[in-house]
Protein backbone atom coordinates (compact mmCIF):
# COMPACT_ATOMS: atom_id res chain seq x y z
CA MET A 1 0.00 0.00 0.00
CA LYS A 2 2.92 2.31 0.72
CA ALA A 3 4.25 1.73 -2.79
CA LEU A 4 0.83 2.57 -4.22
CA ARG A 5 0.79 5.87 -2.35
CA ILE A 6 4.27 6.74 -3.62
CA ILE A 7 3.34 5.91 -7.19
CA GLY A 8 0.12 7.88 -6.86
CA ALA A 9 2.08 10.88 -5.60
CA ASN A 10 4.46 10.59 -8.55
CA ILE A 11 1.59 10.43 -11.02
CA ASN A 12 0.03 13.49 -9.39
CA GLN A 13 3.30 15.40 -9.72
CA ILE A 14 3.51 14.51 -13.41
CA ALA A 15 -0.10 15.53 -13.96
CA LYS A 16 0.49 18.84 -12.16
CA LYS A 17 3.55 19.61 -14.30
CA ALA A 18 1.72 18.62 -17.49
CA ASN A 19 -1.17 20.93 -16.58
CA GLU A 20 1.19 23.79 -15.73
CA THR A 21 3.24 23.52 -18.92
CA HIS A 22 0.50 22.15 -21.20
CA ASN A 23 3.15 19.75 -22.45
CA ILE A 24 3.38 15.99 -22.09
CA TYR A 25 4.73 13.34 -24.40
CA ALA A 26 2.61 10.45 -25.63
CA GLU A 27 5.45 8.06 -24.81
CA ASP A 28 5.39 9.21 -21.19
CA VAL A 29 1.64 8.68 -20.95
CA GLU A 30 1.96 5.21 -22.47
CA LYS A 31 4.76 4.28 -20.06
CA LEU A 32 2.68 5.43 -17.10
CA ARG A 33 -0.33 3.49 -18.39
CA LYS A 34 1.70 0.28 -18.70
CA GLU A 35 3.27 0.70 -15.26
CA ASN A 36 -0.13 1.37 -13.74
CA GLU A 37 -1.58 -1.70 -15.44
CA SER A 38 1.28 -3.84 -14.14
CA LEU A 39 0.87 -2.48 -10.63
CA CYS A 40 -2.88 -3.11 -10.67
CA HIS A 41 -2.29 -6.67 -11.85
CA THR A 42 0.19 -7.28 -9.02
CA LEU A 43 -2.14 -5.72 -6.46
CA ASN A 44 -5.07 -7.83 -7.68
CA GLN A 45 -2.97 -10.98 -7.35
CA PHE A 46 -2.04 -10.04 -3.80
CA LEU A 47 -5.61 -9.22 -2.86
CA SER A 48 -6.82 -12.53 -4.27
CA ILE A 49 -4.52 -14.51 -1.97
CA LEU A 50 -4.93 -12.25 1.04
CA PRO A 51 -7.90 -14.17 2.52
CA SER A 52 -5.90 -17.41 2.53
CA ILE A 53 -2.94 -15.70 4.20
CA ALA A 54 -5.13 -14.10 6.86
CA ALA A 55 -6.85 -17.40 7.69
């Protein structure tokens, strides 16, 4: 969860800078999208096994 907060803060910083400068590269957006997708996949895997760990 800590890693998710850090990544979320980083994404917010990028979004703030993009809004301030009105400049962002498509490659950067695609990289963020892929990293977010990977993170969500990992988190979903963890959450799916969490009940068996807690038991």
